[in-house]
Amino acid sequence: MSLFLWRSEDEEDKEFIGVGKEENKPTLAKKEIYELRKKHIPEACILFYDPSPLQIVRAKGQYMYDENGTEYLDCINNVCHVGHCHPRVVRAGQRQMAILNTNSRYLSELNATYAERLTKTFPDKLDTVIFMNSGSEATELALELCRVWNDALDFVCVDSGYHGHTRSAITVSNYKYGHPRGIGQPDHIQQMDLPDVYRGKYRDSEEAGHQYGSQVHELIQNIHNREGRVRYHGYYPDVMMVTR
């Protein structure tokens, strides 16, 4: 859900805030768009509210708008952390795309200084950044770093978790492998309950944190017992403190 609102009297901001009311009106009838989607986009790419889907043509802040101008509060998108079409984000993207858009293998002041700014927000021991292009790519690299460091394939993941569309990401995503048409839980995956004090397994317990943490400890022991390996020291120190 979008969390931030903005209000600006800046003329440049108004330019972006006002865009979309006329420019983004669809040129095709809704039924025609629907039929084109059904023909060229697979059913695996879920269409919300099918067979009467919303046709969203623009968005601003925390709201989305259909082809008739009906306003919807967006409580589902997990991408626009500062609201849809935030003028500062739009301007920054346009400005950089007009200057340079390349990989990180070249020396760049912007790349280096941005990494420095990010690491200043981290705990002291975390001082390195690898920039990725997407969440799926970041998941893939994180899994690969774990495999290289640990020389093992075992992972503990959370029920209902979703980490991306790549093969490795799917294997640690219950949302994907647990689907009726999914691959099923892989042998090298240990799954814990989603820590939920509202509807979860330990929802009525004052010790819910300790109890969910104990699950992680038990799953790690299961991996060790079947000769798998998970180096949890440094990764789950708080969990180990409360479950030992």
Protein backbone atom coordinates (compact mmCIF):
# COMPACT_ATOMS: atom_id res chain seq x y z
CA MET A 1 0.00 0.00 0.00
CA SER A 2 1.26 3.51 -0.72
CA LEU A 3 2.27 5.16 2.52
CA PHE A 4 3.12 8.75 1.66
CA LEU A 5 1.15 11.72 0.43
CA TRP A 6 2.58 14.92 -0.90
CA ARG A 7 1.40 18.42 -1.50
CA SER A 8 3.42 20.89 -3.52
CA GLU A 9 2.94 24.34 -4.94
CA ASP A 10 5.99 23.91 -7.15
CA GLU A 11 5.04 24.39 -10.81
CA GLU A 12 7.26 21.53 -11.92
CA ASP A 13 5.52 19.19 -9.48
CA LYS A 14 2.13 20.32 -10.71
CA GLU A 15 3.16 19.41 -14.21
CA PHE A 16 3.64 15.78 -13.20
CA ILE A 17 0.72 15.62 -10.77
CA GLY A 18 -1.70 16.77 -13.46
CA VAL A 19 -0.55 14.38 -16.18
CA GLY A 20 -2.83 11.53 -17.19
CA LYS A 21 -6.45 12.68 -17.13
CA GLU A 22 -6.78 13.07 -20.87
CA GLU A 23 -3.52 11.66 -22.21
CA ASN A 24 -4.11 8.15 -20.85
CA LYS A 25 -7.65 7.56 -22.02
CA PRO A 26 -7.68 4.18 -23.81
CA THR A 27 -8.06 4.12 -27.59
CA LEU A 28 -9.60 0.63 -27.60
CA ALA A 29 -12.87 -0.56 -26.09
CA LYS A 30 -12.53 -2.41 -22.79
CA LYS A 31 -13.87 -5.64 -24.30
CA GLU A 32 -11.32 -5.44 -27.11
CA ILE A 33 -8.47 -4.92 -24.64
CA TYR A 34 -9.74 -7.89 -22.64
CA GLU A 35 -9.80 -10.15 -25.69
CA LEU A 36 -6.31 -9.04 -26.74
CA ARG A 37 -4.99 -9.85 -23.30
CA LYS A 38 -6.61 -13.29 -23.30
CA LYS A 39 -5.08 -13.99 -26.72
CA HIS A 40 -1.53 -12.81 -26.09
CA ILE A 41 -0.95 -13.03 -22.31
CA PRO A 42 -1.13 -16.46 -20.58
CA GLU A 43 -3.65 -17.26 -17.86
CA ALA A 44 -0.76 -17.85 -15.47
CA CYS A 45 -0.43 -14.05 -15.35
CA ILE A 46 -3.40 -13.48 -13.07
CA LEU A 47 -5.91 -10.79 -13.96
CA PHE A 48 -7.62 -9.40 -10.88
CA TYR A 49 -11.43 -9.50 -10.76
CA ASP A 50 -11.71 -11.55 -13.95
CA PRO A 51 -14.10 -11.74 -15.82
CA SER A 52 -14.95 -8.14 -14.87
CA PRO A 53 -11.47 -6.70 -14.34
CA LEU A 54 -10.59 -3.16 -13.44
CA GLN A 55 -9.08 -1.18 -16.28
CA ILE A 56 -6.57 1.09 -14.58
CA VAL A 57 -5.28 3.91 -16.77
CA ARG A 58 -3.38 6.14 -14.33
CA ALA A 59 -2.42 6.57 -10.70
CA LYS A 60 -1.38 9.35 -8.35
CA GLY A 61 -0.28 9.16 -4.74
CA GLN A 62 -2.29 6.44 -3.00
CA TYR A 63 -5.05 6.31 -5.63
CA MET A 64 -5.58 4.53 -8.95
CA TYR A 65 -8.12 5.51 -11.61
CA ASP A 66 -10.06 3.49 -14.17
CA GLU A 67 -11.05 4.53 -17.68
CA ASN A 68 -14.12 6.33 -16.33
CA GLY A 69 -12.18 8.35 -13.76
CA THR A 70 -13.39 6.25 -10.80
CA GLU A 71 -10.94 6.59 -7.94
CA TYR A 72 -9.69 3.52 -6.02
CA LEU A 73 -7.58 3.46 -2.87
CA ASP A 74 -4.59 1.27 -3.69
CA CYS A 75 -4.08 -1.26 -0.91
CA ILE A 76 -2.39 -3.98 -2.96
CA ASN A 77 0.59 -2.69 -4.94
CA ASN A 78 3.93 -3.33 -3.26
CA VAL A 79 6.09 -1.31 -5.62
CA CYS A 80 5.26 2.38 -5.16
CA HIS A 81 6.61 2.96 -1.68
CA VAL A 82 6.25 6.74 -1.88
CA GLY A 83 3.01 6.75 -3.82
CA HIS A 84 2.33 6.45 -7.52
CA CYS A 85 4.02 8.95 -9.85
CA HIS A 86 5.72 10.92 -7.10
CA PRO A 87 7.03 14.03 -8.88
CA ARG A 88 10.52 13.83 -7.36
CA VAL A 89 10.88 10.17 -8.33
CA VAL A 90 9.59 10.85 -11.86
CA ARG A 91 11.98 13.77 -12.34
CA ALA A 92 14.96 11.81 -11.01
CA GLY A 93 14.22 8.90 -13.33
CA GLN A 94 13.74 11.12 -16.37
CA ARG A 95 16.89 13.09 -15.61
CA GLN A 96 19.08 10.00 -15.23
CA MET A 97 17.63 8.23 -18.28
CA ALA A 98 18.51 11.30 -20.33
CA ILE A 99 22.14 11.18 -19.14
CA LEU A 100 23.23 7.56 -18.66
CA ASN A 101 21.68 4.11 -18.28
CA THR A 102 24.28 1.36 -18.10
CA ASN A 103 25.60 -1.42 -15.87
CA SER A 104 27.78 -0.94 -12.80
CA ARG A 105 31.06 -2.10 -14.32
CA TYR A 106 32.18 1.46 -15.02
CA LEU A 107 33.45 3.97 -12.50
CA SER A 108 30.63 6.30 -11.53
CA GLU A 109 30.51 8.98 -8.86
CA LEU A 110 26.75 8.58 -8.51
CA ASN A 111 27.05 4.81 -8.06
CA ALA A 112 29.76 5.10 -5.40
CA THR A 113 28.22 7.95 -3.43
CA TYR A 114 24.78 6.29 -3.45
CA ALA A 115 26.33 3.11 -2.05
CA GLU A 116 27.97 5.18 0.68
CA ARG A 117 24.67 6.87 1.56
CA LEU A 118 22.94 3.49 1.80
CA THR A 119 25.59 1.88 3.99
CA LYS A 120 25.39 4.76 6.45
CA THR A 121 21.85 3.58 7.25
CA PHE A 122 23.03 -0.01 7.94
CA PRO A 123 24.42 -1.63 11.11
CA ASP A 124 28.20 -1.18 11.37
CA LYS A 125 29.08 -4.68 10.14
CA LEU A 126 27.16 -4.19 6.88
CA ASP A 127 29.28 -1.98 4.66
CA THR A 128 28.89 -3.41 1.15
CA VAL A 129 26.23 -2.99 -1.54
CA ILE A 130 25.54 -4.92 -4.75
CA PHE A 131 23.02 -3.14 -6.95
CA MET A 132 20.41 -5.31 -8.66
CA ASN A 133 17.82 -4.63 -11.33
CA SER A 134 14.86 -6.40 -9.71
CA GLY A 135 13.66 -8.21 -6.62
CA SER A 136 13.95 -11.58 -8.35
CA GLU A 137 17.54 -10.85 -9.35
CA ALA A 138 18.36 -9.79 -5.79
CA THR A 139 16.85 -13.02 -4.44
CA GLU A 140 18.87 -15.09 -6.91
CA LEU A 141 22.12 -13.42 -5.92
CA ALA A 142 21.35 -13.70 -2.19
CA LEU A 143 20.70 -17.43 -2.55
CA GLU A 144 23.86 -17.88 -4.58
CA LEU A 145 25.95 -16.00 -2.02
CA CYS A 146 24.58 -18.30 0.68
CA ARG A 147 25.40 -21.39 -1.37
CA VAL A 148 28.95 -20.23 -2.09
CA TRP A 149 29.59 -19.31 1.55
CA ASN A 150 27.95 -22.39 3.03
CA ASP A 151 28.46 -24.98 0.25
CA ALA A 152 24.91 -26.24 0.87
CA LEU A 153 21.44 -26.01 -0.62
CA ASP A 154 19.25 -26.06 2.49
CA PHE A 155 17.08 -23.05 3.28
CA VAL A 156 14.44 -22.12 5.84
CA CYS A 157 11.57 -20.15 4.36
CA VAL A 158 8.32 -18.69 5.67
CA ASP A 159 4.82 -19.91 4.85
CA SER A 160 3.10 -17.60 2.32
CA GLY A 161 6.43 -16.08 1.32
CA TYR A 162 6.95 -14.82 -2.23
CA HIS A 163 10.41 -13.83 -3.47
CA GLY A 164 10.23 -13.72 -7.26
CA HIS A 165 9.59 -15.53 -10.54
CA THR A 166 13.00 -17.07 -11.23
CA ARG A 167 13.54 -20.78 -10.67
CA SER A 168 15.55 -20.43 -7.47
CA ALA A 169 13.19 -17.78 -6.10
CA ILE A 170 10.21 -20.07 -6.70
CA THR A 171 11.85 -22.89 -4.73
CA VAL A 172 11.93 -20.70 -1.60
CA SER A 173 8.50 -19.14 -2.18
CA ASN A 174 5.61 -21.04 -0.59
CA TYR A 175 3.23 -18.75 -2.46
CA LYS A 176 4.57 -20.35 -5.67
CA TYR A 177 5.58 -23.92 -4.87
CA GLY A 178 2.55 -24.41 -2.63
CA HIS A 179 0.11 -23.41 -5.37
CA PRO A 180 -2.17 -26.21 -6.66
CA ARG A 181 -0.24 -26.05 -9.93
CA GLY A 182 3.11 -25.48 -8.21
CA ILE A 183 6.11 -27.80 -7.94
CA GLY A 184 5.46 -28.69 -4.31
CA GLN A 185 7.83 -28.09 -1.41
CA PRO A 186 11.37 -29.03 -2.49
CA ASP A 187 13.31 -31.51 -0.34
CA HIS A 188 15.94 -28.94 0.57
CA ILE A 189 13.41 -26.43 1.89
CA GLN A 190 12.33 -26.25 5.52
CA GLN A 191 9.17 -24.20 6.03
CA MET A 192 8.17 -22.32 9.16
CA ASP A 193 4.84 -20.74 10.03
CA LEU A 194 4.32 -17.09 9.17
CA PRO A 195 4.87 -15.18 12.45
CA ASP A 196 1.39 -13.75 12.83
CA VAL A 197 0.04 -12.70 16.23
CA TYR A 198 -3.37 -11.90 14.74
CA ARG A 199 -4.31 -15.10 12.90
CA GLY A 200 -1.24 -17.32 13.31
CA LYS A 201 -0.57 -20.50 15.24
CA TYR A 202 0.46 -18.62 18.40
CA ARG A 203 -1.98 -15.73 18.10
CA ASP A 204 -3.20 -15.99 21.69
CA SER A 205 0.22 -16.37 23.25
CA GLU A 206 2.30 -13.70 24.96
CA GLU A 207 5.37 -15.78 24.07
CA ALA A 208 4.64 -15.82 20.34
CA GLY A 209 8.05 -14.44 19.41
CA HIS A 210 9.86 -17.15 21.32
CA GLN A 211 7.57 -19.86 19.97
CA TYR A 212 8.01 -18.85 16.34
CA GLY A 213 11.74 -18.53 16.97
CA SER A 214 11.79 -22.06 18.38
CA GLN A 215 10.41 -23.29 15.06
CA VAL A 216 13.43 -21.86 13.26
CA HIS A 217 15.80 -23.55 15.70
CA GLU A 218 13.99 -26.89 15.28
CA LEU A 219 14.09 -26.65 11.49
CA ILE A 220 17.81 -25.90 11.53
CA GLN A 221 18.36 -28.93 13.74
CA ASN A 222 16.37 -31.04 11.26
CA ILE A 223 18.74 -29.93 8.51
CA HIS A 224 21.78 -30.86 10.59
CA ASN A 225 20.25 -34.22 11.53
CA ARG A 226 19.93 -35.19 7.88
CA GLU A 227 23.47 -34.02 7.16
CA GLY A 228 22.48 -30.76 5.56
CA ARG A 229 24.22 -27.60 6.64
CA VAL A 230 23.04 -24.16 7.66
CA ARG A 231 25.49 -21.76 9.25
CA TYR A 232 23.14 -19.75 11.38
CA HIS A 233 25.65 -18.01 13.64
CA GLY A 234 25.55 -14.33 12.71
CA TYR A 235 22.26 -14.73 10.85
CA TYR A 236 19.91 -15.76 13.64
CA PRO A 237 21.62 -14.61 16.86
CA ASP A 238 18.45 -13.29 18.44
CA VAL A 239 16.55 -16.46 17.57
CA MET A 240 19.27 -18.62 19.08
CA MET A 241 19.32 -16.53 22.27
CA VAL A 242 15.59 -16.96 22.91
CA THR A 243 15.30 -20.63 21.93
CA ARG A 244 18.31 -22.21 23.63
